[in-house]
Amino acid sequence: MTTHAKPLTVLLTDPMGGSLGLSLPPGSLVTETNDGPWPEPLLWVADGVAAPRTWAEYLPARDAGLQPVLLQDESGVEEWWAGELDPGMMSNPGAHHAEEVLKDFWESAASETEESEDDEDAGETIAPFTQSWPGIALPGSTPAGPDTTAAEVAKALVGHSLKSPRLALVPVDRSADLPAAIGWSGPVNHENDVARLCAVLRSWEDRFGVRVVALSYARLDLSVAAPPQTLDEALTVAAEHFAFCPDNIWQGYESIRLYAEEALVGNSHWTFWWD
């Protein structure tokens, strides 16, 4: 994972980012709370609520080394990013292999599922798969432009699923690394080291044109430029989603098959939520 704090330190004396080619609204820098007396800033967050087109408007910030993302405070009371970020807990996404991570997660979630099911229901949740890791899905075909898709997804989220999001800018090379770079702990009940999940996001970025569009306290919203187009394609992707975030199936759908059919086929927006 490559991060560059320098663009953010520029904002200490140039709050609108003019020297970076930006024209930022009022905002503030967020630093890691456990990083010594003079911590490096982790991200910049706008003071005001984002508009539907805000994500797309600030996409050019990437030229200055800053990735845009929307941050949503689910409670509407407390800004979780002001005190819940700990990048020191995270390793480097590049140190992990996506399929190995998914295989590990799959075996754990499949085993837990089997233990919780009655004998007559055994295997139905993960059917047509078994406890053996089924392998990663093939890349999506004929992708749309990832940035165009991300802008459309962000626009659709603002004011609907995201009631009052803030624009944030993070000094990282690729959006897949964004959660680990800021030390996001949303999936803490599933995995402490979010860099392992970011390794999977990197793989999805390469295979499906995924972009990290929004983060909430325990929710992740992705845009998908090349989603699966058939149920057969969606099933193998759904297996990855079950490994990545079992709660998507355990708490939202009866089975991986139903999840694949209703949530994945042709869907350019993937959402994950950890209990």
Protein backbone atom coordinates (compact mmCIF):
# COMPACT_ATOMS: atom_id res chain seq x y z
CA MET A 1 0.00 0.00 0.00
CA THR A 2 1.39 3.37 -0.98
CA THR A 3 0.20 6.47 0.85
CA HIS A 4 1.34 10.05 0.47
CA ALA A 5 0.62 12.35 3.40
CA LYS A 6 2.21 15.35 1.64
CA PRO A 7 -0.90 16.47 -0.30
CA LEU A 8 -2.73 16.68 3.02
CA THR A 9 0.04 18.56 4.80
CA VAL A 10 -0.17 21.15 2.01
CA LEU A 11 -3.74 21.79 3.15
CA LEU A 12 -2.48 22.94 6.54
CA THR A 13 -1.35 26.20 4.94
CA ASP A 14 -3.45 26.05 1.76
CA PRO A 15 -6.89 24.89 2.97
CA MET A 16 -8.58 25.24 -0.43
CA GLY A 17 -5.83 23.22 -2.12
CA GLY A 18 -5.14 25.78 -4.83
CA SER A 19 -1.49 24.75 -5.08
CA LEU A 20 -2.70 21.19 -5.75
CA GLY A 21 -5.01 22.33 -8.53
CA LEU A 22 -8.08 21.99 -6.29
CA SER A 23 -10.80 24.29 -5.05
CA LEU A 24 -11.99 22.66 -1.86
CA PRO A 25 -14.97 23.71 0.24
CA PRO A 26 -14.50 24.28 3.99
CA GLY A 27 -13.20 21.15 5.67
CA SER A 28 -10.76 19.75 8.17
CA LEU A 29 -7.94 17.25 8.44
CA VAL A 30 -8.39 14.05 10.44
CA THR A 31 -5.38 12.48 12.14
CA GLU A 32 -4.76 9.16 13.80
CA THR A 33 -5.49 9.53 17.50
CA ASN A 34 -2.76 7.07 18.61
CA ASP A 35 0.18 8.23 16.53
CA GLY A 36 2.29 10.35 18.82
CA PRO A 37 2.30 14.10 19.48
CA TRP A 38 2.52 15.22 15.83
CA PRO A 39 0.61 12.63 13.81
CA GLU A 40 0.41 12.76 10.03
CA PRO A 41 -3.06 13.60 8.71
CA LEU A 42 -4.99 10.59 7.42
CA LEU A 43 -7.66 12.29 5.35
CA TRP A 44 -9.45 15.53 4.64
CA VAL A 45 -13.21 15.72 5.28
CA ALA A 46 -15.60 18.42 4.06
CA ASP A 47 -17.64 20.25 6.66
CA GLY A 48 -20.83 20.22 4.60
CA VAL A 49 -23.01 17.40 3.32
CA ALA A 50 -22.12 16.09 -0.13
CA ALA A 51 -24.41 16.63 -3.10
CA PRO A 52 -25.23 13.78 -5.53
CA ARG A 53 -22.51 14.84 -7.97
CA THR A 54 -19.84 15.68 -5.38
CA TRP A 55 -17.89 12.40 -5.74
CA ALA A 56 -17.54 12.92 -9.49
CA GLU A 57 -16.74 16.61 -9.08
CA TYR A 58 -13.69 15.84 -6.96
CA LEU A 59 -12.45 12.82 -8.91
CA PRO A 60 -9.70 15.02 -10.46
CA ALA A 61 -8.17 15.17 -6.95
CA ARG A 62 -6.51 11.88 -7.90
CA ASP A 63 -4.07 13.92 -9.99
CA ALA A 64 -2.86 15.37 -6.68
CA GLY A 65 -2.61 11.91 -5.11
CA LEU A 66 -5.96 12.01 -3.30
CA GLN A 67 -8.75 9.46 -3.72
CA PRO A 68 -12.34 10.66 -3.14
CA VAL A 69 -14.72 8.70 -0.93
CA LEU A 70 -18.02 9.46 0.78
CA LEU A 71 -18.20 9.02 4.56
CA GLN A 72 -21.60 8.44 6.14
CA ASP A 73 -22.33 8.79 9.84
CA GLU A 74 -25.06 6.19 10.34
CA SER A 75 -26.09 7.50 13.74
CA GLY A 76 -26.39 11.10 12.60
CA VAL A 77 -24.92 12.12 15.96
CA GLU A 78 -21.29 11.07 16.19
CA GLU A 79 -18.61 11.38 13.53
CA TRP A 80 -16.98 7.95 13.76
CA TRP A 81 -14.04 8.99 11.60
CA ALA A 82 -12.96 11.51 14.24
CA GLY A 83 -11.99 8.81 16.73
CA GLU A 84 -12.38 5.31 15.26
CA LEU A 85 -9.47 5.16 12.81
CA ASP A 86 -6.34 3.16 13.59
CA PRO A 87 -4.08 2.48 10.58
CA GLY A 88 -1.44 1.14 12.95
CA MET A 89 -3.54 -2.03 13.25
CA MET A 90 -3.35 -2.66 9.51
CA SER A 91 -0.76 -4.48 7.45
CA ASN A 92 -0.06 -3.84 3.76
CA PRO A 93 -2.69 -5.12 1.29
CA GLY A 94 0.15 -6.09 -1.04
CA ALA A 95 1.38 -8.59 1.54
CA HIS A 96 -1.73 -10.74 1.07
CA HIS A 97 -2.98 -12.92 -1.78
CA ALA A 98 -6.69 -12.39 -2.46
CA GLU A 99 -7.57 -16.03 -3.12
CA GLU A 100 -5.77 -17.23 -0.01
CA VAL A 101 -7.65 -14.67 2.06
CA LEU A 102 -10.99 -15.68 0.54
CA LYS A 103 -10.27 -19.38 0.99
CA ASP A 104 -9.49 -18.82 4.67
CA PHE A 105 -12.66 -16.76 5.18
CA TRP A 106 -14.78 -19.26 3.21
CA GLU A 107 -13.73 -22.25 5.24
CA SER A 108 -14.43 -20.41 8.51
CA ALA A 109 -17.84 -19.10 7.43
CA ALA A 110 -18.92 -22.37 5.82
CA SER A 111 -17.99 -24.30 8.95
CA GLU A 112 -19.86 -21.86 11.18
CA THR A 113 -22.89 -22.10 8.89
CA GLU A 114 -22.94 -25.88 9.06
CA GLU A 115 -22.71 -25.82 12.85
CA SER A 116 -25.69 -23.46 13.10
CA GLU A 117 -27.99 -25.33 10.70
CA ASP A 118 -30.33 -28.20 11.50
CA ASP A 119 -29.55 -31.55 9.88
CA GLU A 120 -32.39 -31.14 7.39
CA ASP A 121 -31.15 -27.70 6.35
CA ALA A 122 -27.45 -28.57 6.28
CA GLY A 123 -25.76 -27.18 3.21
CA GLU A 124 -28.72 -25.18 1.91
CA THR A 125 -27.23 -21.79 2.78
CA ILE A 126 -24.05 -22.34 0.78
CA ALA A 127 -25.53 -24.55 -1.98
CA PRO A 128 -24.55 -25.27 -4.71
CA PHE A 129 -21.17 -25.18 -2.95
CA THR A 130 -19.75 -27.30 -0.18
CA GLN A 131 -17.35 -26.49 2.64
CA SER A 132 -14.49 -26.80 0.14
CA TRP A 133 -13.46 -23.41 -1.25
CA PRO A 134 -14.92 -23.19 -4.81
CA GLY A 135 -12.22 -20.86 -6.16
CA ILE A 136 -12.35 -17.30 -7.42
CA ALA A 137 -14.72 -16.06 -10.10
CA LEU A 138 -13.66 -15.25 -13.64
CA PRO A 139 -13.28 -11.56 -14.55
CA GLY A 140 -16.34 -9.67 -15.72
CA SER A 141 -16.68 -9.03 -19.44
CA THR A 142 -17.16 -5.82 -21.44
CA PRO A 143 -16.77 -3.45 -18.50
CA ALA A 144 -18.12 0.06 -18.52
CA GLY A 145 -15.77 2.83 -17.47
CA PRO A 146 -15.04 2.24 -13.77
CA ASP A 147 -15.00 5.96 -12.97
CA THR A 148 -18.22 6.62 -14.88
CA THR A 149 -19.92 3.75 -13.06
CA ALA A 150 -18.60 4.97 -9.71
CA ALA A 151 -19.95 8.46 -10.36
CA GLU A 152 -23.39 7.02 -11.20
CA VAL A 153 -23.44 4.84 -8.09
CA ALA A 154 -22.34 7.72 -5.86
CA LYS A 155 -25.03 9.97 -7.32
CA ALA A 156 -27.70 7.33 -6.66
CA LEU A 157 -26.56 6.74 -3.07
CA VAL A 158 -26.54 10.37 -1.91
CA GLY A 159 -29.83 11.32 -0.34
CA HIS A 160 -31.07 7.74 -0.35
CA SER A 161 -28.92 5.04 1.27
CA LEU A 162 -26.53 7.80 2.35
CA LYS A 163 -28.63 10.49 3.98
CA SER A 164 -25.90 12.96 4.91
CA PRO A 165 -22.51 11.87 3.55
CA ARG A 166 -19.35 13.98 3.67
CA LEU A 167 -16.77 14.09 0.92
CA ALA A 168 -13.36 12.85 2.06
CA LEU A 169 -10.02 12.80 0.27
CA VAL A 170 -7.45 10.16 1.15
CA PRO A 171 -3.76 10.13 0.09
CA VAL A 172 -3.56 6.66 -1.46
CA ASP A 173 -2.81 5.38 -4.96
CA ARG A 174 -5.87 3.18 -5.49
CA SER A 175 -9.33 3.15 -3.98
CA ALA A 176 -9.02 -0.53 -3.03
CA ASP A 177 -6.42 0.42 -0.41
CA LEU A 178 -8.50 3.22 1.06
CA PRO A 179 -10.06 1.37 4.04
CA ALA A 180 -6.71 0.12 5.33
CA ALA A 181 -4.98 3.44 4.65
CA ILE A 182 -7.29 5.29 7.03
CA GLY A 183 -7.48 2.42 9.54
CA TRP A 184 -11.22 1.79 9.08
CA SER A 185 -12.48 -0.82 11.55
CA GLY A 186 -15.97 -1.50 10.20
CA PRO A 187 -15.49 -5.27 9.76
CA VAL A 188 -13.77 -5.70 13.16
CA ASN A 189 -16.12 -8.53 14.18
CA HIS A 190 -15.10 -10.40 11.02
CA GLU A 191 -11.47 -9.33 10.53
CA ASN A 192 -9.22 -6.98 12.50
CA ASP A 193 -6.70 -6.43 9.70
CA VAL A 194 -8.69 -4.65 7.00
CA ALA A 195 -5.65 -4.87 4.71
CA ARG A 196 -6.65 -8.51 4.08
CA LEU A 197 -10.02 -7.33 2.82
CA CYS A 198 -8.28 -4.66 0.76
CA ALA A 199 -6.28 -7.40 -0.97
CA VAL A 200 -9.64 -8.80 -2.11
CA LEU A 201 -10.77 -5.31 -3.15
CA ARG A 202 -7.64 -5.03 -5.28
CA SER A 203 -8.56 -8.27 -6.99
CA TRP A 204 -12.13 -7.09 -7.56
CA GLU A 205 -10.75 -3.82 -8.87
CA ASP A 206 -8.78 -5.79 -11.47
CA ARG A 207 -11.50 -8.33 -12.31
CA PHE A 208 -14.70 -6.28 -12.05
CA GLY A 209 -13.69 -2.62 -12.22
CA VAL A 210 -14.66 -2.04 -8.58
CA ARG A 211 -14.23 1.32 -6.85
CA VAL A 212 -14.66 2.13 -3.15
CA VAL A 213 -17.38 4.80 -3.23
CA ALA A 214 -18.53 5.10 0.38
CA LEU A 215 -17.69 4.01 3.92
CA SER A 216 -19.95 4.07 6.96
CA TYR A 217 -19.28 2.89 10.50
CA ALA A 218 -19.70 -0.77 9.48
CA ARG A 219 -20.77 -0.56 5.84
CA LEU A 220 -18.87 -0.52 2.56
CA ASP A 221 -20.34 0.58 -0.79
CA LEU A 222 -18.63 -0.38 -4.03
CA SER A 223 -19.33 0.48 -7.65
CA VAL A 224 -18.90 -2.36 -10.14
CA ALA A 225 -18.15 -1.63 -13.79
CA ALA A 226 -18.27 -5.28 -14.91
CA PRO A 227 -20.81 -7.13 -12.74
CA PRO A 228 -21.80 -10.75 -13.46
CA GLN A 229 -24.48 -10.97 -16.15
CA THR A 230 -25.81 -14.50 -15.63
CA LEU A 231 -26.78 -16.53 -12.58
CA ASP A 232 -23.93 -18.98 -13.18
CA GLU A 233 -21.43 -16.11 -13.20
CA ALA A 234 -23.07 -14.51 -10.18
CA LEU A 235 -22.91 -17.71 -8.10
CA THR A 236 -19.13 -17.80 -8.02
CA VAL A 237 -19.02 -14.08 -7.21
CA ALA A 238 -21.59 -14.69 -4.46
CA ALA A 239 -19.29 -17.30 -2.95
CA GLU A 240 -16.58 -14.64 -2.71
CA HIS A 241 -19.05 -12.23 -1.13
CA PHE A 242 -20.04 -14.85 1.45
CA ALA A 243 -16.39 -15.29 2.39
CA PHE A 244 -15.77 -11.53 2.39
CA CYS A 245 -18.88 -10.65 4.42
CA PRO A 246 -20.99 -13.62 5.64
CA ASP A 247 -23.54 -11.22 7.15
CA ASN A 248 -24.68 -10.32 3.62
CA ILE A 249 -26.16 -13.81 3.37
CA TRP A 250 -26.74 -14.73 7.02
CA GLN A 251 -28.73 -11.59 7.77
CA GLY A 252 -30.12 -10.62 4.39
CA TYR A 253 -30.81 -13.70 2.26
CA GLU A 254 -31.70 -17.33 2.79
CA SER A 255 -28.91 -18.67 0.61
CA ILE A 256 -25.97 -17.86 -1.62
CA ARG A 257 -28.10 -18.79 -4.64
CA LEU A 258 -30.85 -16.32 -3.74
CA TYR A 259 -28.27 -13.63 -3.01
CA ALA A 260 -26.61 -14.20 -6.39
CA GLU A 261 -29.94 -14.01 -8.21
CA GLU A 262 -31.39 -10.97 -6.44
CA ALA A 263 -28.33 -8.90 -5.50
CA LEU A 264 -25.62 -9.57 -8.07
CA VAL A 265 -26.84 -10.27 -11.61
CA GLY A 266 -26.25 -7.09 -13.59
CA ASN A 267 -25.91 -5.00 -10.41
CA SER A 268 -23.31 -2.21 -10.57
CA HIS A 269 -23.53 -1.55 -6.82
CA TRP A 270 -22.27 -3.97 -4.15
CA THR A 271 -22.94 -3.26 -0.47
CA PHE A 272 -21.41 -5.00 2.55
CA TRP A 273 -22.45 -4.63 6.14
CA TRP A 274 -20.83 -6.31 9.16
CA ASP A 275 -22.81 -6.89 12.33
